[in-house]
Amino acid sequence: KKIFLDDDTAYEIQKITEVKRAASLIAGATGLRYTVYVDGFKSYIF
């Protein structure tokens, strides 16, 4: 529902468009990848 970053600011997830098992090529890890929209921008959280 919400993501908290270093400054303890909460970012509300407005929409989830996809959930699937996937690898992060940048982080080199696997898990459930959520395609989310925060402040109108598409992003991934794992």
ModelCIF file with pLDDT and N, C-alpha, C, O atoms, coordinates in Angstrom:
data_MODEL
#
_entry.id   MODEL 
#
_entity.id                         1 
_entity.type                       polymer 
_entity.pdbx_number_of_molecules   1 
#
_entity_poly.entity_id                      1 
_entity_poly.type                           'polypeptide(L)' 
_entity_poly.nstd_linkage                   no 
_entity_poly.nstd_monomer                   no 
_entity_poly.pdbx_seq_one_letter_code       KKIFLDDDTAYEIQKITEVKRAASLIAGATGLRYTVYVDGFKSYIF 
_entity_poly.pdbx_seq_one_letter_code_can   KKIFLDDDTAYEIQKITEVKRAASLIAGATGLRYTVYVDGFKSYIF 
_entity_poly.pdbx_strand_id                 A 
#
loop_
_entity_poly_seq.entity_id 
_entity_poly_seq.num 
_entity_poly_seq.mon_id 
_entity_poly_seq.hetero 
1 1  LYS n 
1 2  LYS n 
1 3  ILE n 
1 4  PHE n 
1 5  LEU n 
1 6  ASP n 
1 7  ASP n 
1 8  ASP n 
1 9  THR n 
1 10 ALA n 
1 11 TYR n 
1 12 GLU n 
1 13 ILE n 
1 14 GLN n 
1 15 LYS n 
1 16 ILE n 
1 17 THR n 
1 18 GLU n 
1 19 VAL n 
1 20 LYS n 
1 21 ARG n 
1 22 ALA n 
1 23 ALA n 
1 24 SER n 
1 25 LEU n 
1 26 ILE n 
1 27 ALA n 
1 28 GLY n 
1 29 ALA n 
1 30 THR n 
1 31 GLY n 
1 32 LEU n 
1 33 ARG n 
1 34 TYR n 
1 35 THR n 
1 36 VAL n 
1 37 TYR n 
1 38 VAL n 
1 39 ASP n 
1 40 GLY n 
1 41 PHE n 
1 42 LYS n 
1 43 SER n 
1 44 TYR n 
1 45 ILE n 
1 46 PHE n 
#
_struct_asym.id          A 
_struct_asym.entity_id   1 
#
loop_
_ma_qa_metric.id 
_ma_qa_metric.mode 
_ma_qa_metric.name 
_ma_qa_metric.software_group_id 
_ma_qa_metric.type 
1 global pLDDT . pLDDT 
2 local  pLDDT . pLDDT 
#
_ma_qa_metric_global.metric_id      1 
_ma_qa_metric_global.metric_value   92.76 
_ma_qa_metric_global.model_id       1 
_ma_qa_metric_global.ordinal_id     1 
#
loop_
_ma_qa_metric_local.label_asym_id 
_ma_qa_metric_local.label_comp_id 
_ma_qa_metric_local.label_seq_id 
_ma_qa_metric_local.metric_id 
_ma_qa_metric_local.metric_value 
_ma_qa_metric_local.model_id 
_ma_qa_metric_local.ordinal_id 
A LYS 1  2 98.00 1 1  
A LYS 2  2 97.00 1 2  
A ILE 3  2 96.00 1 3  
A PHE 4  2 95.00 1 4  
A LEU 5  2 87.00 1 5  
A ASP 6  2 80.00 1 6  
A ASP 7  2 77.00 1 7  
A ASP 8  2 80.00 1 8  
A THR 9  2 88.00 1 9  
A ALA 10 2 93.00 1 10 
A TYR 11 2 95.00 1 11 
A GLU 12 2 97.00 1 12 
A ILE 13 2 97.00 1 13 
A GLN 14 2 97.00 1 14 
A LYS 15 2 97.00 1 15 
A ILE 16 2 98.00 1 16 
A THR 17 2 98.00 1 17 
A GLU 18 2 97.00 1 18 
A VAL 19 2 97.00 1 19 
A LYS 20 2 97.00 1 20 
A ARG 21 2 96.00 1 21 
A ALA 22 2 94.00 1 22 
A ALA 23 2 90.00 1 23 
A SER 24 2 90.00 1 24 
A LEU 25 2 84.00 1 25 
A ILE 26 2 86.00 1 26 
A ALA 27 2 84.00 1 27 
A GLY 28 2 81.00 1 28 
A ALA 29 2 85.00 1 29 
A THR 30 2 89.00 1 30 
A GLY 31 2 93.00 1 31 
A LEU 32 2 96.00 1 32 
A ARG 33 2 96.00 1 33 
A TYR 34 2 98.00 1 34 
A THR 35 2 97.00 1 35 
A VAL 36 2 97.00 1 36 
A TYR 37 2 97.00 1 37 
A VAL 38 2 95.00 1 38 
A ASP 39 2 93.00 1 39 
A GLY 40 2 94.00 1 40 
A PHE 41 2 95.00 1 41 
A LYS 42 2 96.00 1 42 
A SER 43 2 93.00 1 43 
A TYR 44 2 95.00 1 44 
A ILE 45 2 96.00 1 45 
A PHE 46 2 96.00 1 46 
#
loop_
_atom_site.group_PDB 
_atom_site.id 
_atom_site.type_symbol 
_atom_site.label_atom_id 
_atom_site.label_alt_id 
_atom_site.label_comp_id 
_atom_site.label_asym_id 
_atom_site.label_entity_id 
_atom_site.label_seq_id 
_atom_site.pdbx_PDB_ins_code 
_atom_site.Cartn_x 
_atom_site.Cartn_y 
_atom_site.Cartn_z 
_atom_site.occupancy 
_atom_site.B_iso_or_equiv 
_atom_site.pdbx_formal_charge 
_atom_site.auth_seq_id 
_atom_site.auth_comp_id 
_atom_site.auth_asym_id 
_atom_site.auth_atom_id 
_atom_site.pdbx_PDB_model_num 
ATOM 1   N N  . LYS A 1 1  ? 0.806  -1.218  0.000   1.00 98.00 ? 1  LYS A N  1 
ATOM 2   C CA . LYS A 1 1  ? 0.000  0.000   0.000   1.00 98.00 ? 1  LYS A CA 1 
ATOM 3   C C  . LYS A 1 1  ? 0.843  1.273   0.000   1.00 98.00 ? 1  LYS A C  1 
ATOM 4   O O  . LYS A 1 1  ? 0.492  2.245   -0.670  1.00 98.00 ? 1  LYS A O  1 
ATOM 5   N N  . LYS A 1 2  ? 1.958  1.278   0.749   1.00 97.00 ? 2  LYS A N  1 
ATOM 6   C CA . LYS A 1 2  ? 2.835  2.442   0.851   1.00 97.00 ? 2  LYS A CA 1 
ATOM 7   C C  . LYS A 1 2  ? 4.283  1.992   0.907   1.00 97.00 ? 2  LYS A C  1 
ATOM 8   O O  . LYS A 1 2  ? 4.600  0.914   1.410   1.00 97.00 ? 2  LYS A O  1 
ATOM 9   N N  . ILE A 1 3  ? 5.164  2.848   0.378   1.00 96.00 ? 3  ILE A N  1 
ATOM 10  C CA . ILE A 1 3  ? 6.602  2.616   0.421   1.00 96.00 ? 3  ILE A CA 1 
ATOM 11  C C  . ILE A 1 3  ? 7.225  3.747   1.231   1.00 96.00 ? 3  ILE A C  1 
ATOM 12  O O  . ILE A 1 3  ? 6.864  4.910   1.054   1.00 96.00 ? 3  ILE A O  1 
ATOM 13  N N  . PHE A 1 4  ? 8.164  3.408   2.122   1.00 95.00 ? 4  PHE A N  1 
ATOM 14  C CA . PHE A 1 4  ? 8.877  4.399   2.919   1.00 95.00 ? 4  PHE A CA 1 
ATOM 15  C C  . PHE A 1 4  ? 10.350 4.391   2.517   1.00 95.00 ? 4  PHE A C  1 
ATOM 16  O O  . PHE A 1 4  ? 11.003 3.348   2.552   1.00 95.00 ? 4  PHE A O  1 
ATOM 17  N N  . LEU A 1 5  ? 10.868 5.558   2.136   1.00 87.00 ? 5  LEU A N  1 
ATOM 18  C CA . LEU A 1 5  ? 12.278 5.670   1.751   1.00 87.00 ? 5  LEU A CA 1 
ATOM 19  C C  . LEU A 1 5  ? 13.097 6.258   2.894   1.00 87.00 ? 5  LEU A C  1 
ATOM 20  O O  . LEU A 1 5  ? 12.583 6.431   4.000   1.00 87.00 ? 5  LEU A O  1 
ATOM 21  N N  . ASP A 1 6  ? 14.363 6.566   2.639   1.00 80.00 ? 6  ASP A N  1 
ATOM 22  C CA . ASP A 1 6  ? 15.305 7.017   3.669   1.00 80.00 ? 6  ASP A CA 1 
ATOM 23  C C  . ASP A 1 6  ? 14.797 8.155   4.533   1.00 80.00 ? 6  ASP A C  1 
ATOM 24  O O  . ASP A 1 6  ? 15.032 8.163   5.741   1.00 80.00 ? 6  ASP A O  1 
ATOM 25  N N  . ASP A 1 7  ? 14.111 9.109   3.944   1.00 77.00 ? 7  ASP A N  1 
ATOM 26  C CA . ASP A 1 7  ? 13.673 10.276  4.707   1.00 77.00 ? 7  ASP A CA 1 
ATOM 27  C C  . ASP A 1 7  ? 12.369 10.036  5.446   1.00 77.00 ? 7  ASP A C  1 
ATOM 28  O O  . ASP A 1 7  ? 11.769 10.983  5.954   1.00 77.00 ? 7  ASP A O  1 
ATOM 29  N N  . ASP A 1 8  ? 11.918 8.790   5.516   1.00 80.00 ? 8  ASP A N  1 
ATOM 30  C CA . ASP A 1 8  ? 10.675 8.383   6.178   1.00 80.00 ? 8  ASP A CA 1 
ATOM 31  C C  . ASP A 1 8  ? 9.432  8.972   5.530   1.00 80.00 ? 8  ASP A C  1 
ATOM 32  O O  . ASP A 1 8  ? 8.355  8.965   6.128   1.00 80.00 ? 8  ASP A O  1 
ATOM 33  N N  . THR A 1 9  ? 9.572  9.479   4.316   1.00 88.00 ? 9  THR A N  1 
ATOM 34  C CA . THR A 1 9  ? 8.411  9.950   3.579   1.00 88.00 ? 9  THR A CA 1 
ATOM 35  C C  . THR A 1 9  ? 7.657  8.743   3.038   1.00 88.00 ? 9  THR A C  1 
ATOM 36  O O  . THR A 1 9  ? 8.254  7.830   2.468   1.00 88.00 ? 9  THR A O  1 
ATOM 37  N N  . ALA A 1 10 ? 6.333  8.747   3.222   1.00 93.00 ? 10 ALA A N  1 
ATOM 38  C CA . ALA A 1 10 ? 5.502  7.661   2.729   1.00 93.00 ? 10 ALA A CA 1 
ATOM 39  C C  . ALA A 1 10 ? 5.020  7.994   1.327   1.00 93.00 ? 10 ALA A C  1 
ATOM 40  O O  . ALA A 1 10 ? 4.531  9.094   1.072   1.00 93.00 ? 10 ALA A O  1 
ATOM 41  N N  . TYR A 1 11 ? 5.161  7.040   0.425   1.00 95.00 ? 11 TYR A N  1 
ATOM 42  C CA . TYR A 1 11 ? 4.692  7.179   -0.947  1.00 95.00 ? 11 TYR A CA 1 
ATOM 43  C C  . TYR A 1 11 ? 3.575  6.172   -1.166  1.00 95.00 ? 11 TYR A C  1 
ATOM 44  O O  . TYR A 1 11 ? 3.805  4.963   -1.134  1.00 95.00 ? 11 TYR A O  1 
ATOM 45  N N  . GLU A 1 12 ? 2.371  6.670   -1.387  1.00 97.00 ? 12 GLU A N  1 
ATOM 46  C CA . GLU A 1 12 ? 1.219  5.803   -1.562  1.00 97.00 ? 12 GLU A CA 1 
ATOM 47  C C  . GLU A 1 12 ? 1.239  5.172   -2.951  1.00 97.00 ? 12 GLU A C  1 
ATOM 48  O O  . GLU A 1 12 ? 1.493  5.843   -3.951  1.00 97.00 ? 12 GLU A O  1 
ATOM 49  N N  . ILE A 1 13 ? 0.969  3.881   -2.990  1.00 97.00 ? 13 ILE A N  1 
ATOM 50  C CA . ILE A 1 13 ? 0.858  3.164   -4.253  1.00 97.00 ? 13 ILE A CA 1 
ATOM 51  C C  . ILE A 1 13 ? -0.568 3.349   -4.748  1.00 97.00 ? 13 ILE A C  1 
ATOM 52  O O  . ILE A 1 13 ? -1.519 2.891   -4.114  1.00 97.00 ? 13 ILE A O  1 
ATOM 53  N N  . GLN A 1 14 ? -0.713 4.024   -5.884  1.00 97.00 ? 14 GLN A N  1 
ATOM 54  C CA . GLN A 1 14 ? -2.047 4.289   -6.411  1.00 97.00 ? 14 GLN A CA 1 
ATOM 55  C C  . GLN A 1 14 ? -2.630 3.108   -7.169  1.00 97.00 ? 14 GLN A C  1 
ATOM 56  O O  . GLN A 1 14 ? -3.841 2.886   -7.154  1.00 97.00 ? 14 GLN A O  1 
ATOM 57  N N  . LYS A 1 15 ? -1.756 2.348   -7.838  1.00 97.00 ? 15 LYS A N  1 
ATOM 58  C CA . LYS A 1 15 ? -2.259 1.259   -8.670  1.00 97.00 ? 15 LYS A CA 1 
ATOM 59  C C  . LYS A 1 15 ? -1.189 0.188   -8.807  1.00 97.00 ? 15 LYS A C  1 
ATOM 60  O O  . LYS A 1 15 ? 0.001  0.493   -8.894  1.00 97.00 ? 15 LYS A O  1 
ATOM 61  N N  . ILE A 1 16 ? -1.618 -1.068  -8.827  1.00 98.00 ? 16 ILE A N  1 
ATOM 62  C CA . ILE A 1 16 ? -0.750 -2.210  -9.118  1.00 98.00 ? 16 ILE A CA 1 
ATOM 63  C C  . ILE A 1 16 ? -1.275 -2.816  -10.408 1.00 98.00 ? 16 ILE A C  1 
ATOM 64  O O  . ILE A 1 16 ? -2.439 -3.208  -10.479 1.00 98.00 ? 16 ILE A O  1 
ATOM 65  N N  . THR A 1 17 ? -0.428 -2.897  -11.430 1.00 98.00 ? 17 THR A N  1 
ATOM 66  C CA . THR A 1 17 ? -0.890 -3.410  -12.713 1.00 98.00 ? 17 THR A CA 1 
ATOM 67  C C  . THR A 1 17 ? -0.439 -4.832  -13.002 1.00 98.00 ? 17 THR A C  1 
ATOM 68  O O  . THR A 1 17 ? -1.010 -5.500  -13.864 1.00 98.00 ? 17 THR A O  1 
ATOM 69  N N  . GLU A 1 18 ? 0.592  -5.309  -12.284 1.00 97.00 ? 18 GLU A N  1 
ATOM 70  C CA . GLU A 1 18 ? 1.072  -6.670  -12.539 1.00 97.00 ? 18 GLU A CA 1 
ATOM 71  C C  . GLU A 1 18 ? 1.851  -7.168  -11.332 1.00 97.00 ? 18 GLU A C  1 
ATOM 72  O O  . GLU A 1 18 ? 2.578  -6.418  -10.681 1.00 97.00 ? 18 GLU A O  1 
ATOM 73  N N  . VAL A 1 19 ? 1.679  -8.445  -11.055 1.00 97.00 ? 19 VAL A N  1 
ATOM 74  C CA . VAL A 1 19 ? 2.475  -9.134  -10.030 1.00 97.00 ? 19 VAL A CA 1 
ATOM 75  C C  . VAL A 1 19 ? 2.933  -10.435 -10.652 1.00 97.00 ? 19 VAL A C  1 
ATOM 76  O O  . VAL A 1 19 ? 2.117  -11.243 -11.093 1.00 97.00 ? 19 VAL A O  1 
ATOM 77  N N  . LYS A 1 20 ? 4.255  -10.638 -10.687 1.00 97.00 ? 20 LYS A N  1 
ATOM 78  C CA . LYS A 1 20 ? 4.774  -11.891 -11.236 1.00 97.00 ? 20 LYS A CA 1 
ATOM 79  C C  . LYS A 1 20 ? 6.140  -12.183 -10.644 1.00 97.00 ? 20 LYS A C  1 
ATOM 80  O O  . LYS A 1 20 ? 6.838  -11.287 -10.170 1.00 97.00 ? 20 LYS A O  1 
ATOM 81  N N  . ARG A 1 21 ? 6.499  -13.439 -10.682 1.00 96.00 ? 21 ARG A N  1 
ATOM 82  C CA . ARG A 1 21 ? 7.835  -13.839 -10.235 1.00 96.00 ? 21 ARG A CA 1 
ATOM 83  C C  . ARG A 1 21 ? 8.815  -13.394 -11.310 1.00 96.00 ? 21 ARG A C  1 
ATOM 84  O O  . ARG A 1 21 ? 8.656  -13.717 -12.487 1.00 96.00 ? 21 ARG A O  1 
ATOM 85  N N  . ALA A 1 22 ? 9.836  -12.645 -10.887 1.00 94.00 ? 22 ALA A N  1 
ATOM 86  C CA . ALA A 1 22 ? 10.786 -12.105 -11.853 1.00 94.00 ? 22 ALA A CA 1 
ATOM 87  C C  . ALA A 1 22 ? 12.109 -11.803 -11.168 1.00 94.00 ? 22 ALA A C  1 
ATOM 88  O O  . ALA A 1 22 ? 12.198 -11.728 -9.943  1.00 94.00 ? 22 ALA A O  1 
ATOM 89  N N  . ALA A 1 23 ? 13.123 -11.635 -11.987 1.00 90.00 ? 23 ALA A N  1 
ATOM 90  C CA . ALA A 1 23 ? 14.448 -11.253 -11.501 1.00 90.00 ? 23 ALA A CA 1 
ATOM 91  C C  . ALA A 1 23 ? 14.671 -9.779  -11.759 1.00 90.00 ? 23 ALA A C  1 
ATOM 92  O O  . ALA A 1 23 ? 14.224 -9.231  -12.767 1.00 90.00 ? 23 ALA A O  1 
ATOM 93  N N  . SER A 1 24 ? 15.365 -9.150  -10.836 1.00 90.00 ? 24 SER A N  1 
ATOM 94  C CA . SER A 1 24 ? 15.820 -7.785  -11.054 1.00 90.00 ? 24 SER A CA 1 
ATOM 95  C C  . SER A 1 24 ? 17.207 -7.863  -11.668 1.00 90.00 ? 24 SER A C  1 
ATOM 96  O O  . SER A 1 24 ? 18.143 -8.336  -11.025 1.00 90.00 ? 24 SER A O  1 
ATOM 97  N N  . LEU A 1 25 ? 17.347 -7.412  -12.888 1.00 84.00 ? 25 LEU A N  1 
ATOM 98  C CA . LEU A 1 25 ? 18.650 -7.457  -13.540 1.00 84.00 ? 25 LEU A CA 1 
ATOM 99  C C  . LEU A 1 25 ? 19.617 -6.453  -12.937 1.00 84.00 ? 25 LEU A C  1 
ATOM 100 O O  . LEU A 1 25 ? 20.832 -6.640  -13.002 1.00 84.00 ? 25 LEU A O  1 
ATOM 101 N N  . ILE A 1 26 ? 19.084 -5.393  -12.353 1.00 86.00 ? 26 ILE A N  1 
ATOM 102 C CA . ILE A 1 26 ? 19.936 -4.385  -11.709 1.00 86.00 ? 26 ILE A CA 1 
ATOM 103 C C  . ILE A 1 26 ? 20.408 -4.862  -10.340 1.00 86.00 ? 26 ILE A C  1 
ATOM 104 O O  . ILE A 1 26 ? 21.588 -4.739  -10.010 1.00 86.00 ? 26 ILE A O  1 
ATOM 105 N N  . ALA A 1 27 ? 19.487 -5.409  -9.540  1.00 84.00 ? 27 ALA A N  1 
ATOM 106 C CA . ALA A 1 27 ? 19.822 -5.815  -8.170  1.00 84.00 ? 27 ALA A CA 1 
ATOM 107 C C  . ALA A 1 27 ? 20.390 -7.224  -8.093  1.00 84.00 ? 27 ALA A C  1 
ATOM 108 O O  . ALA A 1 27 ? 21.023 -7.583  -7.100  1.00 84.00 ? 27 ALA A O  1 
ATOM 109 N N  . GLY A 1 28 ? 20.171 -8.020  -9.123  1.00 81.00 ? 28 GLY A N  1 
ATOM 110 C CA . GLY A 1 28 ? 20.677 -9.388  -9.100  1.00 81.00 ? 28 GLY A CA 1 
ATOM 111 C C  . GLY A 1 28 ? 19.971 -10.276 -8.099  1.00 81.00 ? 28 GLY A C  1 
ATOM 112 O O  . GLY A 1 28 ? 20.607 -11.098 -7.440  1.00 81.00 ? 28 GLY A O  1 
ATOM 113 N N  . ALA A 1 29 ? 18.657 -10.120 -7.978  1.00 85.00 ? 29 ALA A N  1 
ATOM 114 C CA . ALA A 1 29 ? 17.877 -10.902 -7.024  1.00 85.00 ? 29 ALA A CA 1 
ATOM 115 C C  . ALA A 1 29 ? 16.541 -11.260 -7.653  1.00 85.00 ? 29 ALA A C  1 
ATOM 116 O O  . ALA A 1 29 ? 16.126 -10.658 -8.643  1.00 85.00 ? 29 ALA A O  1 
ATOM 117 N N  . THR A 1 30 ? 15.869 -12.253 -7.064  1.00 89.00 ? 30 THR A N  1 
ATOM 118 C CA . THR A 1 30 ? 14.569 -12.667 -7.562  1.00 89.00 ? 30 THR A CA 1 
ATOM 119 C C  . THR A 1 30 ? 13.515 -12.543 -6.478  1.00 89.00 ? 30 THR A C  1 
ATOM 120 O O  . THR A 1 30 ? 13.823 -12.412 -5.293  1.00 89.00 ? 30 THR A O  1 
ATOM 121 N N  . GLY A 1 31 ? 12.280 -12.587 -6.908  1.00 93.00 ? 31 GLY A N  1 
ATOM 122 C CA . GLY A 1 31 ? 11.152 -12.531 -5.993  1.00 93.00 ? 31 GLY A CA 1 
ATOM 123 C C  . GLY A 1 31 ? 9.899  -12.162 -6.753  1.00 93.00 ? 31 GLY A C  1 
ATOM 124 O O  . GLY A 1 31 ? 9.847  -12.286 -7.977  1.00 93.00 ? 31 GLY A O  1 
ATOM 125 N N  . LEU A 1 32 ? 8.893  -11.712 -6.035  1.00 96.00 ? 32 LEU A N  1 
ATOM 126 C CA . LEU A 1 32 ? 7.689  -11.216 -6.676  1.00 96.00 ? 32 LEU A CA 1 
ATOM 127 C C  . LEU A 1 32 ? 7.917  -9.772  -7.087  1.00 96.00 ? 32 LEU A C  1 
ATOM 128 O O  . LEU A 1 32 ? 8.261  -8.929  -6.258  1.00 96.00 ? 32 LEU A O  1 
ATOM 129 N N  . ARG A 1 33 ? 7.724  -9.489  -8.369  1.00 96.00 ? 33 ARG A N  1 
ATOM 130 C CA . ARG A 1 33 ? 7.891  -8.120  -8.855  1.00 96.00 ? 33 ARG A CA 1 
ATOM 131 C C  . ARG A 1 33 ? 6.509  -7.504  -9.027  1.00 96.00 ? 33 ARG A C  1 
ATOM 132 O O  . ARG A 1 33 ? 5.660  -8.028  -9.748  1.00 96.00 ? 33 ARG A O  1 
ATOM 133 N N  . TYR A 1 34 ? 6.304  -6.387  -8.351  1.00 98.00 ? 34 TYR A N  1 
ATOM 134 C CA . TYR A 1 34 ? 5.066  -5.633  -8.445  1.00 98.00 ? 34 TYR A CA 1 
ATOM 135 C C  . TYR A 1 34 ? 5.311  -4.433  -9.352  1.00 98.00 ? 34 TYR A C  1 
ATOM 136 O O  . TYR A 1 34 ? 6.207  -3.628  -9.099  1.00 98.00 ? 34 TYR A O  1 
ATOM 137 N N  . THR A 1 35 ? 4.515  -4.320  -10.404 1.00 97.00 ? 35 THR A N  1 
ATOM 138 C CA . THR A 1 35 ? 4.539  -3.123  -11.236 1.00 97.00 ? 35 THR A CA 1 
ATOM 139 C C  . THR A 1 35 ? 3.529  -2.167  -10.616 1.00 97.00 ? 35 THR A C  1 
ATOM 140 O O  . THR A 1 35 ? 2.332  -2.453  -10.580 1.00 97.00 ? 35 THR A O  1 
ATOM 141 N N  . VAL A 1 36 ? 4.018  -1.034  -10.131 1.00 97.00 ? 36 VAL A N  1 
ATOM 142 C CA . VAL A 1 36 ? 3.178  -0.107  -9.376  1.00 97.00 ? 36 VAL A CA 1 
ATOM 143 C C  . VAL A 1 36 ? 3.246  1.296   -9.965  1.00 97.00 ? 36 VAL A C  1 
ATOM 144 O O  . VAL A 1 36 ? 4.165  1.632   -10.712 1.00 97.00 ? 36 VAL A O  1 
ATOM 145 N N  . TYR A 1 37 ? 2.265  2.094   -9.616  1.00 97.00 ? 37 TYR A N  1 
ATOM 146 C CA . TYR A 1 37 ? 2.264  3.514   -9.972  1.00 97.00 ? 37 TYR A CA 1 
ATOM 147 C C  . TYR A 1 37 ? 2.261  4.321   -8.685  1.00 97.00 ? 37 TYR A C  1 
ATOM 148 O O  . TYR A 1 37 ? 1.398  4.146   -7.825  1.00 97.00 ? 37 TYR A O  1 
ATOM 149 N N  . VAL A 1 38 ? 3.246  5.212   -8.568  1.00 95.00 ? 38 VAL A N  1 
ATOM 150 C CA . VAL A 1 38 ? 3.396  6.105   -7.430  1.00 95.00 ? 38 VAL A CA 1 
ATOM 151 C C  . VAL A 1 38 ? 3.515  7.519   -7.977  1.00 95.00 ? 38 VAL A C  1 
ATOM 152 O O  . VAL A 1 38 ? 4.386  7.794   -8.803  1.00 95.00 ? 38 VAL A O  1 
ATOM 153 N N  . ASP A 1 39 ? 2.663  8.403   -7.533  1.00 93.00 ? 39 ASP A N  1 
ATOM 154 C CA . ASP A 1 39 ? 2.627  9.784   -8.042  1.00 93.00 ? 39 ASP A CA 1 
ATOM 155 C C  . ASP A 1 39 ? 2.540  9.821   -9.565  1.00 93.00 ? 39 ASP A C  1 
ATOM 156 O O  . ASP A 1 39 ? 3.110  10.709  -10.199 1.00 93.00 ? 39 ASP A O  1 
ATOM 157 N N  . GLY A 1 40 ? 1.835  8.867   -10.148 1.00 94.00 ? 40 GLY A N  1 
ATOM 158 C CA . GLY A 1 40 ? 1.638  8.832   -11.589 1.00 94.00 ? 40 GLY A CA 1 
ATOM 159 C C  . GLY A 1 40 ? 2.765  8.196   -12.382 1.00 94.00 ? 40 GLY A C  1 
ATOM 160 O O  . GLY A 1 40 ? 2.671  8.101   -13.606 1.00 94.00 ? 40 GLY A O  1 
ATOM 161 N N  . PHE A 1 41 ? 3.832  7.755   -11.716 1.00 95.00 ? 41 PHE A N  1 
ATOM 162 C CA . PHE A 1 41 ? 4.981  7.165   -12.405 1.00 95.00 ? 41 PHE A CA 1 
ATOM 163 C C  . PHE A 1 41 ? 5.039  5.657   -12.177 1.00 95.00 ? 41 PHE A C  1 
ATOM 164 O O  . PHE A 1 41 ? 4.809  5.172   -11.070 1.00 95.00 ? 41 PHE A O  1 
ATOM 165 N N  . LYS A 1 42 ? 5.349  4.930   -13.242 1.00 96.00 ? 42 LYS A N  1 
ATOM 166 C CA . LYS A 1 42 ? 5.498  3.478   -13.168 1.00 96.00 ? 42 LYS A CA 1 
ATOM 167 C C  . LYS A 1 42 ? 6.821  3.122   -12.514 1.00 96.00 ? 42 LYS A C  1 
ATOM 168 O O  . LYS A 1 42 ? 7.852  3.728   -12.805 1.00 96.00 ? 42 LYS A O  1 
ATOM 169 N N  . SER A 1 43 ? 6.786  2.134   -11.626 1.00 93.00 ? 43 SER A N  1 
ATOM 170 C CA . SER A 1 43 ? 7.983  1.680   -10.957 1.00 93.00 ? 43 SER A CA 1 
ATOM 171 C C  . SER A 1 43 ? 7.819  0.210   -10.589 1.00 93.00 ? 43 SER A C  1 
ATOM 172 O O  . SER A 1 43 ? 6.740  -0.361  -10.749 1.00 93.00 ? 43 SER A O  1 
ATOM 173 N N  . TYR A 1 44 ? 8.880  -0.392  -10.101 1.00 95.00 ? 44 TYR A N  1 
ATOM 174 C CA . TYR A 1 44 ? 8.837  -1.776  -9.634  1.00 95.00 ? 44 TYR A CA 1 
ATOM 175 C C  . TYR A 1 44 ? 9.265  -1.829  -8.181  1.00 95.00 ? 44 TYR A C  1 
ATOM 176 O O  . TYR A 1 44 ? 10.202 -1.146  -7.769  1.00 95.00 ? 44 TYR A O  1 
ATOM 177 N N  . ILE A 1 45 ? 8.565  -2.652  -7.409  1.00 96.00 ? 45 ILE A N  1 
ATOM 178 C CA . ILE A 1 45 ? 9.056  -3.034  -6.088  1.00 96.00 ? 45 ILE A CA 1 
ATOM 179 C C  . ILE A 1 45 ? 9.044  -4.558  -6.048  1.00 96.00 ? 45 ILE A C  1 
ATOM 180 O O  . ILE A 1 45 ? 8.231  -5.205  -6.710  1.00 96.00 ? 45 ILE A O  1 
ATOM 181 N N  . PHE A 1 46 ? 9.942  -5.108  -5.274  1.00 96.00 ? 46 PHE A N  1 
ATOM 182 C CA . PHE A 1 46 ? 10.110 -6.549  -5.209  1.00 96.00 ? 46 PHE A CA 1 
ATOM 183 C C  . PHE A 1 46 ? 9.911  -7.037  -3.784  1.00 96.00 ? 46 PHE A C  1 
ATOM 184 O O  . PHE A 1 46 ? 10.012 -8.236  -3.522  1.00 96.00 ? 46 PHE A O  1 
#
